[in-house]
Amino acid sequence: MTEEGNRGLSTKLSRFAIVGILNTVIDFITFSALVALSFPALVANFLGWAVAVIFSFAVNSRWTFERGERFSLHRAFAKFAVSGSIISLGSSTLAVYLLPPLTGLFAAKLIGILIGAILNFFAARWSIENRVI
């Protein structure tokens, strides 16, 4: 990869990290509020993820990644949501389901979010720019 390409990727990683931090806050606050309102943890997990993924796509598709000339908003969102549901929702659901006896519910949620965030950069880049690296 060229020096210019490395700078571009570094900028994208930085922007993705900023969006990811905000996304984590949105997901975790939504999850926590719903749990406090007596929603089942897995339902609250899904709804927190859904709110966060809409925010994440809106910001990442406009600020983090480059839209190609043939960019299709609907197609890119479908790819983003499907890959996100497999990666982010999958990791947080597994964590919320399996880890609470070891870590507590809220720590489990954060662990799931962090694992998903690390893997999700490549899925988001694929869904918006149609490339992984």
N, C-alpha and C. Protein backbone atom coordinates (compact mmCIF):
# COMPACT_ATOMS: atom_id res chain seq x y z
N MET A 1 0.85 -1.17 0.00
CA MET A 1 0.00 0.00 0.00
C MET A 1 0.90 1.23 0.00
N THR A 2 0.54 2.28 -0.75
CA THR A 2 1.33 3.50 -0.83
C THR A 2 1.18 4.31 0.45
N GLU A 3 2.08 5.30 0.59
CA GLU A 3 2.00 6.18 1.77
C GLU A 3 0.67 6.93 1.78
N GLU A 4 0.23 7.38 0.61
CA GLU A 4 -1.06 8.07 0.50
C GLU A 4 -2.20 7.13 0.88
N GLY A 5 -2.12 5.89 0.43
CA GLY A 5 -3.13 4.90 0.78
C GLY A 5 -3.15 4.61 2.27
N ASN A 6 -1.96 4.56 2.88
CA ASN A 6 -1.88 4.35 4.33
C ASN A 6 -2.51 5.50 5.10
N ARG A 7 -2.26 6.75 4.63
CA ARG A 7 -2.87 7.91 5.28
C ARG A 7 -4.38 7.86 5.15
N GLY A 8 -4.86 7.48 3.97
CA GLY A 8 -6.31 7.38 3.78
C GLY A 8 -6.93 6.33 4.68
N LEU A 9 -6.27 5.20 4.79
CA LEU A 9 -6.78 4.14 5.66
C LEU A 9 -6.70 4.57 7.13
N SER A 10 -5.63 5.27 7.49
CA SER A 10 -5.49 5.77 8.86
C SER A 10 -6.60 6.77 9.21
N THR A 11 -6.91 7.64 8.27
CA THR A 11 -8.00 8.60 8.48
C THR A 11 -9.32 7.87 8.64
N LYS A 12 -9.55 6.88 7.81
CA LYS A 12 -10.79 6.11 7.89
C LYS A 12 -10.89 5.37 9.22
N LEU A 13 -9.78 4.78 9.65
CA LEU A 13 -9.78 4.09 10.95
C LEU A 13 -10.07 5.05 12.09
N SER A 14 -9.47 6.24 12.03
CA SER A 14 -9.71 7.25 13.08
C SER A 14 -11.16 7.69 13.09
N ARG A 15 -11.69 7.98 11.93
CA ARG A 15 -13.10 8.39 11.86
C ARG A 15 -14.02 7.26 12.30
N PHE A 16 -13.70 6.04 11.86
CA PHE A 16 -14.52 4.89 12.26
C PHE A 16 -14.48 4.72 13.77
N ALA A 17 -13.33 4.96 14.38
CA ALA A 17 -13.21 4.84 15.84
C ALA A 17 -14.06 5.89 16.54
N ILE A 18 -14.06 7.12 16.04
CA ILE A 18 -14.89 8.18 16.63
C ILE A 18 -16.36 7.82 16.53
N VAL A 19 -16.78 7.40 15.34
CA VAL A 19 -18.18 6.99 15.16
C VAL A 19 -18.48 5.78 16.05
N GLY A 20 -17.53 4.87 16.15
CA GLY A 20 -17.72 3.69 16.97
C GLY A 20 -17.91 4.01 18.44
N ILE A 21 -17.16 4.99 18.93
CA ILE A 21 -17.33 5.40 20.33
C ILE A 21 -18.73 5.96 20.55
N LEU A 22 -19.15 6.85 19.65
CA LEU A 22 -20.51 7.40 19.75
C LEU A 22 -21.56 6.30 19.61
N ASN A 23 -21.32 5.39 18.69
CA ASN A 23 -22.22 4.26 18.47
C ASN A 23 -22.33 3.39 19.72
N THR A 24 -21.20 3.16 20.37
CA THR A 24 -21.19 2.37 21.61
C THR A 24 -22.01 3.06 22.70
N VAL A 25 -21.84 4.36 22.81
CA VAL A 25 -22.60 5.13 23.81
C VAL A 25 -24.10 5.03 23.53
N ILE A 26 -24.48 5.20 22.26
CA ILE A 26 -25.90 5.11 21.88
C ILE A 26 -26.45 3.72 22.18
N ASP A 27 -25.73 2.69 21.77
CA ASP A 27 -26.15 1.31 22.00
C ASP A 27 -26.28 1.03 23.50
N PHE A 28 -25.25 1.39 24.26
CA PHE A 28 -25.24 1.07 25.69
C PHE A 28 -26.31 1.85 26.46
N ILE A 29 -26.50 3.12 26.14
CA ILE A 29 -27.53 3.91 26.83
C ILE A 29 -28.92 3.38 26.50
N THR A 30 -29.16 3.08 25.23
CA THR A 30 -30.46 2.52 24.84
C THR A 30 -30.69 1.19 25.55
N PHE A 31 -29.70 0.32 25.53
CA PHE A 31 -29.78 -0.98 26.21
C PHE A 31 -30.07 -0.79 27.70
N SER A 32 -29.30 0.07 28.36
CA SER A 32 -29.45 0.29 29.80
C SER A 32 -30.82 0.85 30.15
N ALA A 33 -31.29 1.80 29.36
CA ALA A 33 -32.61 2.39 29.61
C ALA A 33 -33.71 1.35 29.47
N LEU A 34 -33.61 0.52 28.45
CA LEU A 34 -34.63 -0.50 28.24
C LEU A 34 -34.60 -1.58 29.32
N VAL A 35 -33.41 -1.96 29.77
CA VAL A 35 -33.30 -2.92 30.87
C VAL A 35 -33.91 -2.31 32.13
N ALA A 36 -33.64 -1.01 32.37
CA ALA A 36 -34.22 -0.32 33.54
C ALA A 36 -35.75 -0.27 33.46
N LEU A 37 -36.28 -0.28 32.23
CA LEU A 37 -37.74 -0.29 32.03
C LEU A 37 -38.29 -1.72 32.01
N SER A 38 -37.48 -2.67 32.41
CA SER A 38 -37.86 -4.09 32.54
C SER A 38 -38.01 -4.84 31.22
N PHE A 39 -37.38 -4.36 30.16
CA PHE A 39 -37.33 -5.13 28.92
C PHE A 39 -36.41 -6.31 29.15
N PRO A 40 -36.70 -7.47 28.56
CA PRO A 40 -35.75 -8.58 28.64
C PRO A 40 -34.40 -8.17 28.02
N ALA A 41 -33.31 -8.67 28.58
CA ALA A 41 -31.98 -8.26 28.14
C ALA A 41 -31.75 -8.48 26.65
N LEU A 42 -32.21 -9.60 26.10
CA LEU A 42 -31.98 -9.86 24.68
C LEU A 42 -32.80 -8.93 23.79
N VAL A 43 -33.99 -8.55 24.21
CA VAL A 43 -34.80 -7.58 23.46
C VAL A 43 -34.14 -6.21 23.53
N ALA A 44 -33.71 -5.80 24.72
CA ALA A 44 -33.03 -4.52 24.88
C ALA A 44 -31.74 -4.49 24.07
N ASN A 45 -31.04 -5.61 24.01
CA ASN A 45 -29.82 -5.71 23.22
C ASN A 45 -30.12 -5.48 21.74
N PHE A 46 -31.15 -6.11 21.22
CA PHE A 46 -31.51 -5.93 19.81
C PHE A 46 -31.90 -4.49 19.52
N LEU A 47 -32.74 -3.90 20.36
CA LEU A 47 -33.20 -2.53 20.12
C LEU A 47 -32.06 -1.52 20.24
N GLY A 48 -31.16 -1.73 21.20
CA GLY A 48 -29.99 -0.86 21.31
C GLY A 48 -29.14 -0.94 20.07
N TRP A 49 -28.93 -2.16 19.58
CA TRP A 49 -28.16 -2.35 18.36
C TRP A 49 -28.85 -1.68 17.17
N ALA A 50 -30.16 -1.83 17.05
CA ALA A 50 -30.89 -1.27 15.90
C ALA A 50 -30.77 0.25 15.86
N VAL A 51 -30.93 0.91 16.99
CA VAL A 51 -30.79 2.37 17.03
C VAL A 51 -29.37 2.76 16.66
N ALA A 52 -28.40 2.06 17.21
CA ALA A 52 -27.00 2.38 16.96
C ALA A 52 -26.59 2.12 15.51
N VAL A 53 -27.09 1.07 14.89
CA VAL A 53 -26.69 0.74 13.52
C VAL A 53 -27.21 1.78 12.53
N ILE A 54 -28.38 2.32 12.79
CA ILE A 54 -28.91 3.39 11.92
C ILE A 54 -28.02 4.62 12.02
N PHE A 55 -27.67 5.01 13.25
CA PHE A 55 -26.76 6.14 13.45
C PHE A 55 -25.42 5.87 12.77
N SER A 56 -24.86 4.70 13.00
CA SER A 56 -23.56 4.35 12.47
C SER A 56 -23.52 4.40 10.95
N PHE A 57 -24.54 3.83 10.31
CA PHE A 57 -24.57 3.86 8.85
C PHE A 57 -24.67 5.29 8.34
N ALA A 58 -25.55 6.09 8.94
CA ALA A 58 -25.74 7.47 8.48
C ALA A 58 -24.42 8.24 8.54
N VAL A 59 -23.68 8.11 9.61
CA VAL A 59 -22.45 8.87 9.76
C VAL A 59 -21.31 8.25 8.95
N ASN A 60 -21.13 6.94 9.03
CA ASN A 60 -20.03 6.31 8.29
C ASN A 60 -20.18 6.46 6.78
N SER A 61 -21.39 6.41 6.27
CA SER A 61 -21.56 6.51 4.82
C SER A 61 -21.37 7.93 4.31
N ARG A 62 -21.43 8.91 5.20
CA ARG A 62 -21.24 10.30 4.78
C ARG A 62 -19.86 10.85 5.14
N TRP A 63 -19.24 10.32 6.19
CA TRP A 63 -18.03 10.93 6.72
C TRP A 63 -16.82 10.00 6.70
N THR A 64 -16.99 8.74 6.99
CA THR A 64 -15.85 7.83 7.15
C THR A 64 -15.39 7.23 5.83
N PHE A 65 -16.32 6.71 5.06
CA PHE A 65 -15.97 5.98 3.84
C PHE A 65 -16.39 6.75 2.61
N GLU A 66 -15.75 6.40 1.47
CA GLU A 66 -16.04 7.06 0.20
C GLU A 66 -17.18 6.33 -0.51
N ARG A 67 -18.12 7.11 -0.96
CA ARG A 67 -19.20 6.53 -1.76
C ARG A 67 -18.76 6.54 -3.22
N GLY A 68 -18.91 5.43 -3.87
CA GLY A 68 -18.58 5.36 -5.29
C GLY A 68 -19.66 6.04 -6.12
N GLU A 69 -19.37 6.21 -7.41
CA GLU A 69 -20.34 6.83 -8.31
C GLU A 69 -21.61 6.00 -8.41
N ARG A 70 -21.47 4.70 -8.29
CA ARG A 70 -22.63 3.82 -8.42
C ARG A 70 -23.17 3.42 -7.04
N PHE A 71 -22.95 4.27 -6.04
CA PHE A 71 -23.40 4.00 -4.68
C PHE A 71 -24.92 3.93 -4.63
N SER A 72 -25.41 2.88 -4.07
CA SER A 72 -26.85 2.71 -3.87
C SER A 72 -27.11 2.71 -2.36
N LEU A 73 -27.81 3.73 -1.88
CA LEU A 73 -28.07 3.87 -0.45
C LEU A 73 -28.77 2.64 0.11
N HIS A 74 -29.80 2.17 -0.58
CA HIS A 74 -30.57 1.02 -0.09
C HIS A 74 -29.73 -0.25 -0.06
N ARG A 75 -28.98 -0.46 -1.12
CA ARG A 75 -28.15 -1.67 -1.19
C ARG A 75 -27.03 -1.62 -0.14
N ALA A 76 -26.39 -0.45 -0.01
CA ALA A 76 -25.32 -0.32 0.97
C ALA A 76 -25.85 -0.50 2.39
N PHE A 77 -27.04 0.07 2.68
CA PHE A 77 -27.60 -0.10 4.02
C PHE A 77 -27.95 -1.56 4.27
N ALA A 78 -28.48 -2.24 3.27
CA ALA A 78 -28.80 -3.66 3.44
C ALA A 78 -27.54 -4.46 3.75
N LYS A 79 -26.45 -4.22 3.00
CA LYS A 79 -25.19 -4.91 3.27
C LYS A 79 -24.66 -4.56 4.66
N PHE A 80 -24.76 -3.28 5.02
CA PHE A 80 -24.28 -2.79 6.31
C PHE A 80 -25.07 -3.44 7.45
N ALA A 81 -26.39 -3.47 7.31
CA ALA A 81 -27.25 -4.03 8.36
C ALA A 81 -27.07 -5.54 8.48
N VAL A 82 -26.97 -6.23 7.35
CA VAL A 82 -26.81 -7.69 7.40
C VAL A 82 -25.45 -8.05 8.00
N SER A 83 -24.39 -7.41 7.50
CA SER A 83 -23.06 -7.72 8.06
C SER A 83 -22.99 -7.30 9.52
N GLY A 84 -23.62 -6.17 9.85
CA GLY A 84 -23.63 -5.71 11.24
C GLY A 84 -24.41 -6.63 12.14
N SER A 85 -25.50 -7.18 11.61
CA SER A 85 -26.29 -8.08 12.46
C SER A 85 -25.53 -9.36 12.74
N ILE A 86 -24.80 -9.82 11.76
CA ILE A 86 -24.01 -11.04 11.96
C ILE A 86 -22.86 -10.77 12.93
N ILE A 87 -22.17 -9.66 12.73
CA ILE A 87 -20.97 -9.37 13.52
C ILE A 87 -21.32 -8.70 14.85
N SER A 88 -21.88 -7.50 14.78
CA SER A 88 -22.12 -6.72 16.00
C SER A 88 -23.24 -7.30 16.86
N LEU A 89 -24.37 -7.53 16.23
CA LEU A 89 -25.50 -8.07 16.99
C LEU A 89 -25.18 -9.48 17.46
N GLY A 90 -24.52 -10.24 16.61
CA GLY A 90 -24.15 -11.60 17.00
C GLY A 90 -23.21 -11.63 18.20
N SER A 91 -22.17 -10.80 18.16
CA SER A 91 -21.22 -10.80 19.28
C SER A 91 -21.84 -10.25 20.55
N SER A 92 -22.65 -9.20 20.45
CA SER A 92 -23.25 -8.66 21.68
C SER A 92 -24.33 -9.59 22.22
N THR A 93 -25.08 -10.25 21.34
CA THR A 93 -26.10 -11.19 21.82
C THR A 93 -25.45 -12.38 22.52
N LEU A 94 -24.41 -12.93 21.91
CA LEU A 94 -23.69 -14.03 22.57
C LEU A 94 -23.13 -13.61 23.92
N ALA A 95 -22.57 -12.41 23.96
CA ALA A 95 -22.00 -11.92 25.22
C ALA A 95 -23.07 -11.71 26.28
N VAL A 96 -24.20 -11.10 25.89
CA VAL A 96 -25.30 -10.85 26.85
C VAL A 96 -25.92 -12.16 27.31
N TYR A 97 -25.91 -13.15 26.45
CA TYR A 97 -26.50 -14.45 26.79
C TYR A 97 -25.56 -15.31 27.64
N LEU A 98 -24.27 -15.30 27.30
CA LEU A 98 -23.34 -16.23 27.93
C LEU A 98 -22.52 -15.67 29.10
N LEU A 99 -22.18 -14.39 29.06
CA LEU A 99 -21.20 -13.86 30.01
C LEU A 99 -21.72 -13.32 31.33
N PRO A 100 -22.99 -12.93 31.47
CA PRO A 100 -23.42 -12.33 32.74
C PRO A 100 -23.06 -13.10 34.01
N PRO A 101 -23.10 -14.43 34.03
CA PRO A 101 -22.69 -15.10 35.27
C PRO A 101 -21.22 -14.83 35.64
N LEU A 102 -20.40 -14.55 34.65
CA LEU A 102 -18.97 -14.30 34.89
C LEU A 102 -18.65 -12.82 35.08
N THR A 103 -19.36 -11.95 34.34
CA THR A 103 -18.98 -10.54 34.28
C THR A 103 -20.06 -9.58 34.77
N GLY A 104 -21.29 -10.03 34.85
CA GLY A 104 -22.42 -9.13 35.07
C GLY A 104 -22.99 -8.72 33.72
N LEU A 105 -24.23 -8.30 33.70
CA LEU A 105 -24.93 -8.00 32.45
C LEU A 105 -24.30 -6.84 31.68
N PHE A 106 -24.02 -5.73 32.36
CA PHE A 106 -23.54 -4.55 31.65
C PHE A 106 -22.11 -4.71 31.15
N ALA A 107 -21.27 -5.39 31.90
CA ALA A 107 -19.91 -5.68 31.42
C ALA A 107 -19.97 -6.63 30.22
N ALA A 108 -20.88 -7.59 30.26
CA ALA A 108 -21.05 -8.51 29.13
C ALA A 108 -21.44 -7.75 27.87
N LYS A 109 -22.36 -6.80 28.02
CA LYS A 109 -22.79 -5.98 26.88
C LYS A 109 -21.60 -5.21 26.30
N LEU A 110 -20.80 -4.59 27.16
CA LEU A 110 -19.64 -3.84 26.68
C LEU A 110 -18.62 -4.75 25.98
N ILE A 111 -18.39 -5.92 26.51
CA ILE A 111 -17.47 -6.88 25.87
C ILE A 111 -17.98 -7.24 24.48
N GLY A 112 -19.27 -7.52 24.37
CA GLY A 112 -19.85 -7.84 23.07
C GLY A 112 -19.74 -6.70 22.08
N ILE A 113 -19.98 -5.48 22.54
CA ILE A 113 -19.86 -4.30 21.67
C ILE A 113 -18.43 -4.16 21.18
N LEU A 114 -17.46 -4.30 22.06
CA LEU A 114 -16.05 -4.12 21.69
C LEU A 114 -15.59 -5.17 20.67
N ILE A 115 -15.96 -6.40 20.88
CA ILE A 115 -15.60 -7.45 19.92
C ILE A 115 -16.23 -7.15 18.56
N GLY A 116 -17.49 -6.77 18.56
CA GLY A 116 -18.17 -6.44 17.31
C GLY A 116 -17.55 -5.24 16.61
N ALA A 117 -17.15 -4.23 17.38
CA ALA A 117 -16.57 -3.02 16.79
C ALA A 117 -15.27 -3.31 16.06
N ILE A 118 -14.46 -4.15 16.65
CA ILE A 118 -13.18 -4.50 16.02
C ILE A 118 -13.41 -5.18 14.67
N LEU A 119 -14.33 -6.11 14.63
CA LEU A 119 -14.60 -6.84 13.39
C LEU A 119 -15.41 -6.03 12.39
N ASN A 120 -16.19 -5.08 12.88
CA ASN A 120 -17.14 -4.38 12.04
C ASN A 120 -16.51 -3.37 11.09
N PHE A 121 -15.29 -2.89 11.36
CA PHE A 121 -14.64 -1.94 10.46
C PHE A 121 -14.58 -2.50 9.04
N PHE A 122 -14.14 -3.73 8.92
CA PHE A 122 -13.97 -4.34 7.61
C PHE A 122 -15.32 -4.59 6.93
N ALA A 123 -16.30 -4.98 7.71
CA ALA A 123 -17.64 -5.19 7.15
C ALA A 123 -18.25 -3.87 6.69
N ALA A 124 -18.05 -2.81 7.45
CA ALA A 124 -18.59 -1.50 7.07
C ALA A 124 -17.91 -0.98 5.81
N ARG A 125 -16.61 -1.15 5.73
CA ARG A 125 -15.88 -0.70 4.54
C ARG A 125 -16.35 -1.49 3.31
N TRP A 126 -16.56 -2.77 3.48
CA TRP A 126 -17.06 -3.60 2.38
C TRP A 126 -18.45 -3.13 1.94
N SER A 127 -19.33 -2.83 2.89
CA SER A 127 -20.70 -2.50 2.53
C SER A 127 -20.82 -1.12 1.89
N ILE A 128 -19.94 -0.19 2.24
CA ILE A 128 -20.04 1.17 1.70
C ILE A 128 -19.11 1.36 0.51
N GLU A 129 -17.85 0.93 0.61
CA GLU A 129 -16.88 1.12 -0.46
C GLU A 129 -16.73 -0.10 -1.36
N ASN A 130 -17.33 -1.20 -0.98
CA ASN A 130 -17.26 -2.46 -1.71
C ASN A 130 -15.83 -3.01 -1.77
N ARG A 131 -15.06 -2.77 -0.69
CA ARG A 131 -13.74 -3.39 -0.55
C ARG A 131 -13.45 -3.58 0.93
N VAL A 132 -12.57 -4.49 1.23
CA VAL A 132 -12.28 -4.82 2.63
C VAL A 132 -11.01 -4.14 3.10
N ILE A 133 -9.93 -4.21 2.32
CA ILE A 133 -8.66 -3.62 2.75
C ILE A 133 -8.27 -2.50 1.81
